[in-house]
Amino acid sequence: MEVFDGKKAAQDYMSKHTLAFSTPELTLMRFAFWLGDSVPDPKNDGKGIPRMMTFLTEQDFEPVLIDDDKYEPSGAVKNSAFVGNAYNEQITDGNFCSECGTSLSSTAKFCPECGTTQ
């Protein structure tokens, strides 16, 4: 699949043009016009292509499948204000993970520590 490498294009543009003090809208508009300029095609002599086509790269992406029955904790939620369930509730019935023993909320579908389905 061909994917546009916007970061490389922006770095190439900003290295050749001094627009650091321009307004963001003007910089973006000029960048868009620069991407649309016709440049010589490196594959076909004598032909022209839009500059944007020179920043296309071939990449292979693996499809992302989301499985609701399997959860693998990444650890990212441990650094946030809420761990597991975003609702502030008191644990009154004493739900615990059958695998690791972590206390769980009554609405938990997965254990936030080990990822076991509850």
PDB file of N, CA and C in Angstrom:
ATOM      1  N   MET A   1       0.842  -1.157   0.000  1.00  0.00           N
ATOM      2  CA  MET A   1       0.000   0.000   0.000  1.00  0.00           C
ATOM      3  C   MET A   1       0.898   1.234   0.000  1.00  0.00           C
ATOM      4  N   GLU A   2       0.578   2.207  -0.833  1.00  0.00           N
ATOM      5  CA  GLU A   2       1.340   3.444  -0.862  1.00  0.00           C
ATOM      6  C   GLU A   2       0.765   4.418   0.154  1.00  0.00           C
ATOM      7  N   VAL A   3       1.636   4.979   0.972  1.00  0.00           N
ATOM      8  CA  VAL A   3       1.232   5.879   2.044  1.00  0.00           C
ATOM      9  C   VAL A   3       2.013   7.180   1.904  1.00  0.00           C
ATOM     10  N   PHE A   4       1.338   8.317   2.103  1.00  0.00           N
ATOM     11  CA  PHE A   4       1.981   9.626   2.029  1.00  0.00           C
ATOM     12  C   PHE A   4       2.770   9.880   3.309  1.00  0.00           C
ATOM     13  N   ASP A   5       4.053  10.175   3.181  1.00  0.00           N
ATOM     14  CA  ASP A   5       4.918  10.461   4.320  1.00  0.00           C
ATOM     15  C   ASP A   5       4.917  11.976   4.556  1.00  0.00           C
ATOM     16  N   GLY A   6       3.922  12.454   5.289  1.00  0.00           N
ATOM     17  CA  GLY A   6       3.746  13.886   5.526  1.00  0.00           C
ATOM     18  C   GLY A   6       4.864  14.502   6.335  1.00  0.00           C
ATOM     19  N   LYS A   7       5.417  13.752   7.282  1.00  0.00           N
ATOM     20  CA  LYS A   7       6.502  14.278   8.113  1.00  0.00           C
ATOM     21  C   LYS A   7       7.740  14.568   7.270  1.00  0.00           C
ATOM     22  N   LYS A   8       8.087  13.641   6.389  1.00  0.00           N
ATOM     23  CA  LYS A   8       9.255  13.836   5.529  1.00  0.00           C
ATOM     24  C   LYS A   8       9.014  15.012   4.585  1.00  0.00           C
ATOM     25  N   ALA A   9       7.799  15.116   4.039  1.00  0.00           N
ATOM     26  CA  ALA A   9       7.484  16.213   3.122  1.00  0.00           C
ATOM     27  C   ALA A   9       7.565  17.558   3.841  1.00  0.00           C
ATOM     28  N   ALA A  10       7.017  17.638   5.052  1.00  0.00           N
ATOM     29  CA  ALA A  10       7.046  18.892   5.801  1.00  0.00           C
ATOM     30  C   ALA A  10       8.476  19.284   6.164  1.00  0.00           C
ATOM     31  N   GLN A  11       9.301  18.307   6.554  1.00  0.00           N
ATOM     32  CA  GLN A  11      10.690  18.614   6.884  1.00  0.00           C
ATOM     33  C   GLN A  11      11.450  19.083   5.652  1.00  0.00           C
ATOM     34  N   ASP A  12      11.196  18.472   4.511  1.00  0.00           N
ATOM     35  CA  ASP A  12      11.844  18.885   3.275  1.00  0.00           C
ATOM     36  C   ASP A  12      11.418  20.300   2.901  1.00  0.00           C
ATOM     37  N   TYR A  13      10.135  20.603   3.039  1.00  0.00           N
ATOM     38  CA  TYR A  13       9.620  21.934   2.704  1.00  0.00           C
ATOM     39  C   TYR A  13      10.192  23.006   3.628  1.00  0.00           C
ATOM     40  N   MET A  14      10.152  22.737   4.935  1.00  0.00           N
ATOM     41  CA  MET A  14      10.613  23.746   5.891  1.00  0.00           C
ATOM     42  C   MET A  14      12.124  23.948   5.814  1.00  0.00           C
ATOM     43  N   SER A  15      12.871  22.946   5.350  1.00  0.00           N
ATOM     44  CA  SER A  15      14.320  23.123   5.224  1.00  0.00           C
ATOM     45  C   SER A  15      14.672  24.012   4.038  1.00  0.00           C
ATOM     46  N   LYS A  16      13.755  24.166   3.076  1.00  0.00           N
ATOM     47  CA  LYS A  16      14.026  24.967   1.888  1.00  0.00           C
ATOM     48  C   LYS A  16      13.334  26.320   1.905  1.00  0.00           C
ATOM     49  N   HIS A  17      12.386  26.537   2.817  1.00  0.00           N
ATOM     50  CA  HIS A  17      11.630  27.780   2.853  1.00  0.00           C
ATOM     51  C   HIS A  17      11.656  28.342   4.268  1.00  0.00           C
ATOM     52  N   THR A  18      11.850  29.634   4.360  1.00  0.00           N
ATOM     53  CA  THR A  18      11.883  30.284   5.672  1.00  0.00           C
ATOM     54  C   THR A  18      10.514  30.893   5.947  1.00  0.00           C
ATOM     55  N   LEU A  19       9.631  30.094   6.483  1.00  0.00           N
ATOM     56  CA  LEU A  19       8.289  30.561   6.824  1.00  0.00           C
ATOM     57  C   LEU A  19       8.035  30.418   8.318  1.00  0.00           C
ATOM     58  N   ALA A  20       9.095  30.408   9.096  1.00  0.00           N
ATOM     59  CA  ALA A  20       8.939  30.192  10.533  1.00  0.00           C
ATOM     60  C   ALA A  20       8.142  31.306  11.194  1.00  0.00           C
ATOM     61  N   PHE A  21       8.157  32.503  10.607  1.00  0.00           N
ATOM     62  CA  PHE A  21       7.458  33.628  11.234  1.00  0.00           C
ATOM     63  C   PHE A  21       6.106  33.908  10.589  1.00  0.00           C
ATOM     64  N   SER A  22       5.700  33.098   9.635  1.00  0.00           N
ATOM     65  CA  SER A  22       4.400  33.281   8.994  1.00  0.00           C
ATOM     66  C   SER A  22       3.302  32.708   9.874  1.00  0.00           C
ATOM     67  N   THR A  23       2.092  33.074   9.552  1.00  0.00           N
ATOM     68  CA  THR A  23       0.961  32.514  10.284  1.00  0.00           C
ATOM     69  C   THR A  23       0.798  31.050   9.886  1.00  0.00           C
ATOM     70  N   PRO A  24       0.278  30.207  10.782  1.00  0.00           N
ATOM     71  CA  PRO A  24       0.112  28.781  10.439  1.00  0.00           C
ATOM     72  C   PRO A  24      -0.767  28.556   9.213  1.00  0.00           C
ATOM     73  N   GLU A  25      -1.806  29.366   9.027  1.00  0.00           N
ATOM     74  CA  GLU A  25      -2.690  29.188   7.878  1.00  0.00           C
ATOM     75  C   GLU A  25      -1.940  29.455   6.581  1.00  0.00           C
ATOM     76  N   LEU A  26      -1.102  30.517   6.570  1.00  0.00           N
ATOM     77  CA  LEU A  26      -0.331  30.845   5.385  1.00  0.00           C
ATOM     78  C   LEU A  26       0.707  29.760   5.099  1.00  0.00           C
ATOM     79  N   THR A  27       1.358  29.275   6.133  1.00  0.00           N
ATOM     80  CA  THR A  27       2.346  28.213   5.964  1.00  0.00           C
ATOM     81  C   THR A  27       1.691  26.961   5.402  1.00  0.00           C
ATOM     82  N   LEU A  28       0.543  26.594   5.939  1.00  0.00           N
ATOM     83  CA  LEU A  28      -0.162  25.402   5.469  1.00  0.00           C
ATOM     84  C   LEU A  28      -0.616  25.568   4.022  1.00  0.00           C
ATOM     85  N   MET A  29      -1.113  26.759   3.668  1.00  0.00           N
ATOM     86  CA  MET A  29      -1.579  27.000   2.303  1.00  0.00           C
ATOM     87  C   MET A  29      -0.407  26.923   1.322  1.00  0.00           C
ATOM     88  N   ARG A  30       0.725  27.535   1.666  1.00  0.00           N
ATOM     89  CA  ARG A  30       1.887  27.491   0.785  1.00  0.00           C
ATOM     90  C   ARG A  30       2.451  26.069   0.688  1.00  0.00           C
ATOM     91  N   PHE A  31       2.403  25.328   1.788  1.00  0.00           N
ATOM     92  CA  PHE A  31       2.852  23.936   1.780  1.00  0.00           C
ATOM     93  C   PHE A  31       1.976  23.107   0.843  1.00  0.00           C
ATOM     94  N   ALA A  32       0.673  23.338   0.860  1.00  0.00           N
ATOM     95  CA  ALA A  32      -0.245  22.606  -0.020  1.00  0.00           C
ATOM     96  C   ALA A  32       0.044  22.931  -1.486  1.00  0.00           C
ATOM     97  N   PHE A  33       0.289  24.210  -1.792  1.00  0.00           N
ATOM     98  CA  PHE A  33       0.633  24.580  -3.164  1.00  0.00           C
ATOM     99  C   PHE A  33       1.970  23.966  -3.580  1.00  0.00           C
ATOM    100  N   TRP A  34       2.927  23.927  -2.662  1.00  0.00           N
ATOM    101  CA  TRP A  34       4.239  23.345  -2.938  1.00  0.00           C
ATOM    102  C   TRP A  34       4.107  21.853  -3.240  1.00  0.00           C
ATOM    103  N   LEU A  35       3.244  21.159  -2.479  1.00  0.00           N
ATOM    104  CA  LEU A  35       3.026  19.733  -2.731  1.00  0.00           C
ATOM    105  C   LEU A  35       2.386  19.492  -4.092  1.00  0.00           C
ATOM    106  N   GLY A  36       1.589  20.447  -4.569  1.00  0.00           N
ATOM    107  CA  GLY A  36       0.908  20.297  -5.854  1.00  0.00           C
ATOM    108  C   GLY A  36       1.741  20.699  -7.049  1.00  0.00           C
ATOM    109  N   ASP A  37       2.896  21.340  -6.842  1.00  0.00           N
ATOM    110  CA  ASP A  37       3.763  21.740  -7.952  1.00  0.00           C
ATOM    111  C   ASP A  37       4.176  20.526  -8.767  1.00  0.00           C
ATOM    112  N   SER A  38       4.349  20.751 -10.064  1.00  0.00           N
ATOM    113  CA  SER A  38       4.789  19.684 -10.945  1.00  0.00           C
ATOM    114  C   SER A  38       6.308  19.574 -10.905  1.00  0.00           C
ATOM    115  N   VAL A  39       6.796  18.350 -10.727  1.00  0.00           N
ATOM    116  CA  VAL A  39       8.235  18.060 -10.714  1.00  0.00           C
ATOM    117  C   VAL A  39       8.504  16.940 -11.707  1.00  0.00           C
ATOM    118  N   PRO A  40       9.755  16.809 -12.175  1.00  0.00           N
ATOM    119  CA  PRO A  40      10.065  15.708 -13.109  1.00  0.00           C
ATOM    120  C   PRO A  40       9.847  14.346 -12.448  1.00  0.00           C
ATOM    121  N   ASP A  41       9.246  13.438 -13.211  1.00  0.00           N
ATOM    122  CA  ASP A  41       9.000  12.083 -12.715  1.00  0.00           C
ATOM    123  C   ASP A  41      10.307  11.303 -12.741  1.00  0.00           C
ATOM    124  N   PRO A  42      10.785  10.791 -11.574  1.00  0.00           N
ATOM    125  CA  PRO A  42      12.043  10.049 -11.573  1.00  0.00           C
ATOM    126  C   PRO A  42      11.968   8.722 -12.322  1.00  0.00           C
ATOM    127  N   LYS A  43      10.759   8.189 -12.532  1.00  0.00           N
ATOM    128  CA  LYS A  43      10.610   6.902 -13.214  1.00  0.00           C
ATOM    129  C   LYS A  43      10.429   7.052 -14.723  1.00  0.00           C
ATOM    130  N   ASN A  44       9.846   8.160 -15.164  1.00  0.00           N
ATOM    131  CA  ASN A  44       9.592   8.395 -16.594  1.00  0.00           C
ATOM    132  C   ASN A  44      10.232   9.714 -17.002  1.00  0.00           C
ATOM    133  N   ASP A  45      11.273   9.653 -17.839  1.00  0.00           N
ATOM    134  CA  ASP A  45      11.938  10.874 -18.302  1.00  0.00           C
ATOM    135  C   ASP A  45      10.986  11.693 -19.167  1.00  0.00           C
ATOM    136  N   GLY A  46      11.008  13.002 -18.964  1.00  0.00           N
ATOM    137  CA  GLY A  46      10.186  13.897 -19.761  1.00  0.00           C
ATOM    138  C   GLY A  46       8.765  14.058 -19.256  1.00  0.00           C
ATOM    139  N   LYS A  47       8.378  13.329 -18.259  1.00  0.00           N
ATOM    140  CA  LYS A  47       7.022  13.428 -17.702  1.00  0.00           C
ATOM    141  C   LYS A  47       7.063  14.194 -16.386  1.00  0.00           C
ATOM    142  N   GLY A  48       5.962  14.808 -16.047  1.00  0.00           N
ATOM    143  CA  GLY A  48       5.858  15.521 -14.779  1.00  0.00           C
ATOM    144  C   GLY A  48       4.794  14.901 -13.890  1.00  0.00           C
ATOM    145  N   ILE A  49       5.035  14.979 -12.586  1.00  0.00           N
ATOM    146  CA  ILE A  49       4.068  14.481 -11.607  1.00  0.00           C
ATOM    147  C   ILE A  49       3.973  15.503 -10.484  1.00  0.00           C
ATOM    148  N   PRO A  50       2.873  15.509  -9.717  1.00  0.00           N
ATOM    149  CA  PRO A  50       2.811  16.386  -8.549  1.00  0.00           C
ATOM    150  C   PRO A  50       3.889  15.992  -7.533  1.00  0.00           C
ATOM    151  N   ARG A  51       4.468  16.978  -6.885  1.00  0.00           N
ATOM    152  CA  ARG A  51       5.537  16.719  -5.916  1.00  0.00           C
ATOM    153  C   ARG A  51       5.075  15.747  -4.825  1.00  0.00           C
ATOM    154  N   MET A  52       3.795  15.784  -4.480  1.00  0.00           N
ATOM    155  CA  MET A  52       3.282  14.906  -3.428  1.00  0.00           C
ATOM    156  C   MET A  52       3.538  13.437  -3.758  1.00  0.00           C
ATOM    157  N   MET A  53       3.532  13.083  -5.031  1.00  0.00           N
ATOM    158  CA  MET A  53       3.740  11.690  -5.422  1.00  0.00           C
ATOM    159  C   MET A  53       5.156  11.216  -5.099  1.00  0.00           C
ATOM    160  N   THR A  54       6.111  12.122  -4.954  1.00  0.00           N
ATOM    161  CA  THR A  54       7.482  11.723  -4.629  1.00  0.00           C
ATOM    162  C   THR A  54       7.634  11.360  -3.159  1.00  0.00           C
ATOM    163  N   PHE A  55       6.639  11.690  -2.342  1.00  0.00           N
ATOM    164  CA  PHE A  55       6.694  11.385  -0.912  1.00  0.00           C
ATOM    165  C   PHE A  55       5.855  10.158  -0.543  1.00  0.00           C
ATOM    166  N   LEU A  56       5.397   9.414  -1.543  1.00  0.00           N
ATOM    167  CA  LEU A  56       4.663   8.180  -1.276  1.00  0.00           C
ATOM    168  C   LEU A  56       5.650   7.060  -0.996  1.00  0.00           C
ATOM    169  N   THR A  57       5.384   6.298   0.037  1.00  0.00           N
ATOM    170  CA  THR A  57       6.243   5.170   0.383  1.00  0.00           C
ATOM    171  C   THR A  57       5.402   3.902   0.419  1.00  0.00           C
ATOM    172  N   GLU A  58       6.027   2.816   0.100  1.00  0.00           N
ATOM    173  CA  GLU A  58       5.347   1.515   0.114  1.00  0.00           C
ATOM    174  C   GLU A  58       5.425   0.934   1.521  1.00  0.00           C
ATOM    175  N   GLN A  59       4.279   0.682   2.134  1.00  0.00           N
ATOM    176  CA  GLN A  59       4.232   0.112   3.475  1.00  0.00           C
ATOM    177  C   GLN A  59       3.189  -0.987   3.509  1.00  0.00           C
ATOM    178  N   ASP A  60       3.452  -1.976   4.329  1.00  0.00           N
ATOM    179  CA  ASP A  60       2.524  -3.087   4.486  1.00  0.00           C
ATOM    180  C   ASP A  60       1.987  -3.051   5.897  1.00  0.00           C
ATOM    181  N   PHE A  61       0.695  -2.860   6.029  1.00  0.00           N
ATOM    182  CA  PHE A  61       0.072  -2.778   7.343  1.00  0.00           C
ATOM    183  C   PHE A  61      -0.663  -4.070   7.649  1.00  0.00           C
ATOM    184  N   GLU A  62      -0.453  -4.562   8.848  1.00  0.00           N
ATOM    185  CA  GLU A  62      -1.162  -5.744   9.296  1.00  0.00           C
ATOM    186  C   GLU A  62      -2.528  -5.299   9.815  1.00  0.00           C
ATOM    187  N   PRO A  63      -3.601  -5.954   9.407  1.00  0.00           N
ATOM    188  CA  PRO A  63      -4.918  -5.544   9.887  1.00  0.00           C
ATOM    189  C   PRO A  63      -5.033  -5.708  11.401  1.00  0.00           C
ATOM    190  N   VAL A  64      -5.707  -4.777  12.030  1.00  0.00           N
ATOM    191  CA  VAL A  64      -5.886  -4.807  13.477  1.00  0.00           C
ATOM    192  C   VAL A  64      -7.246  -5.438  13.773  1.00  0.00           C
ATOM    193  N   LEU A  65      -7.224  -6.544  14.457  1.00  0.00           N
ATOM    194  CA  LEU A  65      -8.464  -7.215  14.838  1.00  0.00           C
ATOM    195  C   LEU A  65      -8.696  -6.987  16.325  1.00  0.00           C
ATOM    196  N   ILE A  66      -9.883  -6.550  16.663  1.00  0.00           N
ATOM    197  CA  ILE A  66     -10.217  -6.286  18.058  1.00  0.00           C
ATOM    198  C   ILE A  66     -11.049  -7.448  18.567  1.00  0.00           C
ATOM    199  N   ASP A  67     -10.561  -8.079  19.608  1.00  0.00           N
ATOM    200  CA  ASP A  67     -11.240  -9.225  20.203  1.00  0.00           C
ATOM    201  C   ASP A  67     -11.762  -8.804  21.568  1.00  0.00           C
ATOM    202  N   ASP A  68     -13.084  -8.757  21.723  1.00  0.00           N
ATOM    203  CA  ASP A  68     -13.682  -8.323  22.987  1.00  0.00           C
ATOM    204  C   ASP A  68     -13.550  -9.358  24.089  1.00  0.00           C
ATOM    205  N   ASP A  69     -13.252 -10.593  23.750  1.00  0.00           N
ATOM    206  CA  ASP A  69     -13.147 -11.629  24.759  1.00  0.00           C
ATOM    207  C   ASP A  69     -11.740 -11.782  25.323  1.00  0.00           C
ATOM    208  N   LYS A  70     -10.771 -11.145  24.699  1.00  0.00           N
ATOM    209  CA  LYS A  70      -9.393 -11.256  25.169  1.00  0.00           C
ATOM    210  C   LYS A  70      -8.843  -9.853  25.406  1.00  0.00           C
ATOM    211  N   TYR A  71      -8.297  -9.614  26.565  1.00  0.00           N
ATOM    212  CA  TYR A  71      -7.756  -8.305  26.914  1.00  0.00           C
ATOM    213  C   TYR A  71      -6.342  -8.471  27.449  1.00  0.00           C
ATOM    214  N   GLU A  72      -5.421  -7.759  26.861  1.00  0.00           N
ATOM    215  CA  GLU A  72      -4.047  -7.778  27.334  1.00  0.00           C
ATOM    216  C   GLU A  72      -3.711  -6.378  27.822  1.00  0.00           C
ATOM    217  N   PRO A  73      -3.526  -6.188  29.117  1.00  0.00           N
ATOM    218  CA  PRO A  73      -3.262  -4.843  29.623  1.00  0.00           C
ATOM    219  C   PRO A  73      -1.921  -4.324  29.130  1.00  0.00           C
ATOM    220  N   SER A  74      -1.917  -3.076  28.694  1.00  0.00           N
ATOM    221  CA  SER A  74      -0.680  -2.469  28.198  1.00  0.00           C
ATOM    222  C   SER A  74       0.074  -1.744  29.292  1.00  0.00           C
ATOM    223  N   GLY A  75      -0.604  -1.456  30.401  1.00  0.00           N
ATOM    224  CA  GLY A  75       0.025  -0.709  31.476  1.00  0.00           C
ATOM    225  C   GLY A  75      -0.234   0.775  31.367  1.00  0.00           C
ATOM    226  N   ALA A  76      -0.828   1.225  30.270  1.00  0.00           N
ATOM    227  CA  ALA A  76      -1.060   2.651  30.061  1.00  0.00           C
ATOM    228  C   ALA A  76      -2.094   3.208  31.033  1.00  0.00           C
ATOM    229  N   VAL A  77      -3.073   2.408  31.431  1.00  0.00           N
ATOM    230  CA  VAL A  77      -4.113   2.916  32.317  1.00  0.00           C
ATOM    231  C   VAL A  77      -3.636   3.043  33.751  1.00  0.00           C
ATOM    232  N   LYS A  78      -2.533   2.438  34.095  1.00  0.00           N
ATOM    233  CA  LYS A  78      -2.043   2.527  35.473  1.00  0.00           C
ATOM    234  C   LYS A  78      -1.511   3.914  35.798  1.00  0.00           C
ATOM    235  N   ASN A  79      -1.099   4.662  34.769  1.00  0.00           N
ATOM    236  CA  ASN A  79      -0.562   5.990  34.984  1.00  0.00           C
ATOM    237  C   ASN A  79      -1.634   7.069  34.927  1.00  0.00           C
ATOM    238  N   SER A  80      -2.878   6.695  34.663  1.00  0.00           N
ATOM    239  CA  SER A  80      -3.944   7.685  34.580  1.00  0.00           C
ATOM    240  C   SER A  80      -4.628   7.824  35.933  1.00  0.00           C
ATOM    241  N   ALA A  81      -5.571   8.748  35.992  1.00  0.00           N
ATOM    242  CA  ALA A  81      -6.273   8.997  37.245  1.00  0.00           C
ATOM    243  C   ALA A  81      -7.203   7.839  37.600  1.00  0.00           C
ATOM    244  N   PHE A  82      -7.728   7.164  36.592  1.00  0.00           N
ATOM    245  CA  PHE A  82      -8.654   6.058  36.817  1.00  0.00           C
ATOM    246  C   PHE A  82      -7.996   4.754  36.410  1.00  0.00           C
ATOM    247  N   VAL A  83      -8.109   3.755  37.215  1.00  0.00           N
ATOM    248  CA  VAL A  83      -7.614   2.432  36.868  1.00  0.00           C
ATOM    249  C   VAL A  83      -8.813   1.533  36.701  1.00  0.00           C
ATOM    250  N   GLY A  84      -8.955   0.935  35.529  1.00  0.00           N
ATOM    251  CA  GLY A  84     -10.071   0.028  35.276  1.00  0.00           C
ATOM    252  C   GLY A  84     -11.330   0.783  34.902  1.00  0.00           C
ATOM    253  N   ASN A  85     -12.247   0.916  35.808  1.00  0.00           N
ATOM    254  CA  ASN A  85     -13.534   1.520  35.548  1.00  0.00           C
ATOM    255  C   ASN A  85     -13.483   3.015  35.838  1.00  0.00           C
ATOM    256  N   ALA A  86     -13.991   3.841  34.940  1.00  0.00           N
ATOM    257  CA  ALA A  86     -13.950   5.296  35.110  1.00  0.00           C
ATOM    258  C   ALA A  86     -15.008   5.787  36.097  1.00  0.00           C
ATOM    259  N   TYR A  87     -15.989   4.948  36.436  1.00  0.00           N
ATOM    260  CA  TYR A  87     -17.031   5.355  37.371  1.00  0.00           C
ATOM    261  C   TYR A  87     -16.545   5.200  38.802  1.00  0.00           C
ATOM    262  N   ASN A  88     -16.835   6.186  39.608  1.00  0.00           N
ATOM    263  CA  ASN A  88     -16.423   6.153  41.010  1.00  0.00           C
ATOM    264  C   ASN A  88     -17.464   5.353  41.782  1.00  0.00           C
ATOM    265  N   GLU A  89     -17.128   4.159  42.153  1.00  0.00           N
ATOM    266  CA  GLU A  89     -18.070   3.324  42.878  1.00  0.00           C
ATOM    267  C   GLU A  89     -17.352   2.610  44.017  1.00  0.00           C
ATOM    268  N   GLN A  90     -18.087   2.302  45.023  1.00  0.00           N
ATOM    269  CA  GLN A  90     -17.538   1.590  46.171  1.00  0.00           C
ATOM    270  C   GLN A  90     -17.660   0.088  45.949  1.00  0.00           C
ATOM    271  N   ILE A  91     -16.631  -0.648  46.298  1.00  0.00           N
ATOM    272  CA  ILE A  91     -16.677  -2.106  46.182  1.00  0.00           C
ATOM    273  C   ILE A  91     -17.295  -2.643  47.471  1.00  0.00           C
ATOM    274  N   THR A  92     -18.543  -3.097  47.352  1.00  0.00           N
ATOM    275  CA  THR A  92     -19.244  -3.571  48.545  1.00  0.00           C
ATOM    276  C   THR A  92     -19.394  -5.078  48.577  1.00  0.00           C
ATOM    277  N   ASP A  93     -19.467  -5.708  47.399  1.00  0.00           N
ATOM    278  CA  ASP A  93     -19.703  -7.143  47.397  1.00  0.00           C
ATOM    279  C   ASP A  93     -18.412  -7.954  47.384  1.00  0.00           C
ATOM    280  N   GLY A  94     -17.273  -7.302  47.323  1.00  0.00           N
ATOM    281  CA  GLY A  94     -16.008  -8.011  47.420  1.00  0.00           C
ATOM    282  C   GLY A  94     -15.667  -8.848  46.208  1.00  0.00           C
ATOM    283  N   ASN A  95     -15.786  -8.291  45.001  1.00  0.00           N
ATOM    284  CA  ASN A  95     -15.390  -9.022  43.796  1.00  0.00           C
ATOM    285  C   ASN A  95     -13.869  -9.023  43.697  1.00  0.00           C
ATOM    286  N   PHE A  96     -13.329 -10.199  43.434  1.00  0.00           N
ATOM    287  CA  PHE A  96     -11.893 -10.330  43.282  1.00  0.00           C
ATOM    288  C   PHE A  96     -11.605 -11.155  42.040  1.00  0.00           C
ATOM    289  N   CYS A  97     -10.447 -10.921  41.438  1.00  0.00           N
ATOM    290  CA  CYS A  97     -10.025 -11.692  40.270  1.00  0.00           C
ATOM    291  C   CYS A  97      -9.732 -13.124  40.699  1.00  0.00           C
ATOM    292  N   SER A  98     -10.244 -14.058  39.921  1.00  0.00           N
ATOM    293  CA  SER A  98     -10.026 -15.469  40.246  1.00  0.00           C
ATOM    294  C   SER A  98      -8.593 -15.903  39.944  1.00  0.00           C
ATOM    295  N   GLU A  99      -7.893 -15.135  39.136  1.00  0.00           N
ATOM    296  CA  GLU A  99      -6.530 -15.503  38.750  1.00  0.00           C
ATOM    297  C   GLU A  99      -5.479 -14.900  39.681  1.00  0.00           C
ATOM    298  N   CYS A 100      -5.552 -13.569  39.901  1.00  0.00           N
ATOM    299  CA  CYS A 100      -4.486 -12.911  40.673  1.00  0.00           C
ATOM    300  C   CYS A 100      -4.966 -12.340  42.006  1.00  0.00           C
ATOM    301  N   GLY A 101      -6.282 -12.277  42.237  1.00  0.00           N
ATOM    302  CA  GLY A 101      -6.810 -11.818  43.513  1.00  0.00           C
ATOM    303  C   GLY A 101      -6.993 -10.320  43.640  1.00  0.00           C
ATOM    304  N   THR A 102      -6.801  -9.564  42.571  1.00  0.00           N
ATOM    305  CA  THR A 102      -6.988  -8.113  42.603  1.00  0.00           C
ATOM    306  C   THR A 102      -8.454  -7.788  42.830  1.00  0.00           C
ATOM    307  N   SER A 103      -8.747  -6.769  43.657  1.00  0.00           N
ATOM    308  CA  SER A 103     -10.140  -6.385  43.883  1.00  0.00           C
ATOM    309  C   SER A 103     -10.683  -5.721  42.621  1.00  0.00           C
ATOM    310  N   LEU A 104     -11.929  -6.044  42.284  1.00  0.00           N
ATOM    311  CA  LEU A 104     -12.564  -5.579  41.056  1.00  0.00           C
ATOM    312  C   LEU A 104     -13.845  -4.842  41.361  1.00  0.00           C
ATOM    313  N   SER A 105     -14.256  -3.970  40.443  1.00  0.00           N
ATOM    314  CA  SER A 105     -15.560  -3.332  40.563  1.00  0.00           C
ATOM    315  C   SER A 105     -16.626  -4.327  40.119  1.00  0.00           C
ATOM    316  N   SER A 106     -17.865  -4.026  40.424  1.00  0.00           N
ATOM    317  CA  SER A 106     -18.946  -4.961  40.096  1.00  0.00           C
ATOM    318  C   SER A 106     -19.219  -5.015  38.597  1.00  0.00           C
ATOM    319  N   THR A 107     -18.786  -4.008  37.833  1.00  0.00           N
ATOM    320  CA  THR A 107     -19.040  -3.979  36.390  1.00  0.00           C
ATOM    321  C   THR A 107     -17.827  -4.386  35.570  1.00  0.00           C
ATOM    322  N   ALA A 108     -16.739  -4.826  36.209  1.00  0.00           N
ATOM    323  CA  ALA A 108     -15.506  -5.155  35.492  1.00  0.00           C
ATOM    324  C   ALA A 108     -15.697  -6.389  34.626  1.00  0.00           C
ATOM    325  N   LYS A 109     -15.249  -6.284  33.369  1.00  0.00           N
ATOM    326  CA  LYS A 109     -15.310  -7.418  32.455  1.00  0.00           C
ATOM    327  C   LYS A 109     -13.961  -8.138  32.418  1.00  0.00           C
ATOM    328  N   PHE A 110     -12.892  -7.376  32.639  1.00  0.00           N
ATOM    329  CA  PHE A 110     -11.549  -7.930  32.649  1.00  0.00           C
ATOM    330  C   PHE A 110     -10.806  -7.445  33.900  1.00  0.00           C
ATOM    331  N   CYS A 111      -9.831  -8.201  34.336  1.00  0.00           N
ATOM    332  CA  CYS A 111      -8.978  -7.793  35.443  1.00  0.00           C
ATOM    333  C   CYS A 111      -7.968  -6.778  34.928  1.00  0.00           C
ATOM    334  N   PRO A 112      -7.835  -5.607  35.577  1.00  0.00           N
ATOM    335  CA  PRO A 112      -6.871  -4.610  35.091  1.00  0.00           C
ATOM    336  C   PRO A 112      -5.424  -5.012  35.302  1.00  0.00           C
ATOM    337  N   GLU A 113      -5.165  -6.013  36.138  1.00  0.00           N
ATOM    338  CA  GLU A 113      -3.786  -6.442  36.394  1.00  0.00           C
ATOM    339  C   GLU A 113      -3.332  -7.543  35.443  1.00  0.00           C
ATOM    340  N   CYS A 114      -4.100  -8.629  35.357  1.00  0.00           N
ATOM    341  CA  CYS A 114      -3.651  -9.782  34.568  1.00  0.00           C
ATOM    342  C   CYS A 114      -4.428  -9.971  33.274  1.00  0.00           C
ATOM    343  N   GLY A 115      -5.575  -9.300  33.101  1.00  0.00           N
ATOM    344  CA  GLY A 115      -6.335  -9.391  31.873  1.00  0.00           C
ATOM    345  C   GLY A 115      -7.283 -10.562  31.780  1.00  0.00           C
ATOM    346  N   THR A 116      -7.456 -11.310  32.873  1.00  0.00           N
ATOM    347  CA  THR A 116      -8.331 -12.470  32.868  1.00  0.00           C
ATOM    348  C   THR A 116      -9.785 -12.030  32.707  1.00  0.00           C
ATOM    349  N   THR A 117     -10.543 -12.738  31.866  1.00  0.00           N
ATOM    350  CA  THR A 117     -11.959 -12.449  31.680  1.00  0.00           C
ATOM    351  C   THR A 117     -12.718 -12.810  32.950  1.00  0.00           C
ATOM    352  N   GLN A 118     -13.586 -11.924  33.406  1.00  0.00           N
ATOM    353  CA  GLN A 118     -14.338 -12.144  34.644  1.00  0.00           C
ATOM    354  C   GLN A 118     -15.754 -12.568  34.334  1.00  0.00           C
TER     355      GLN A 118
END
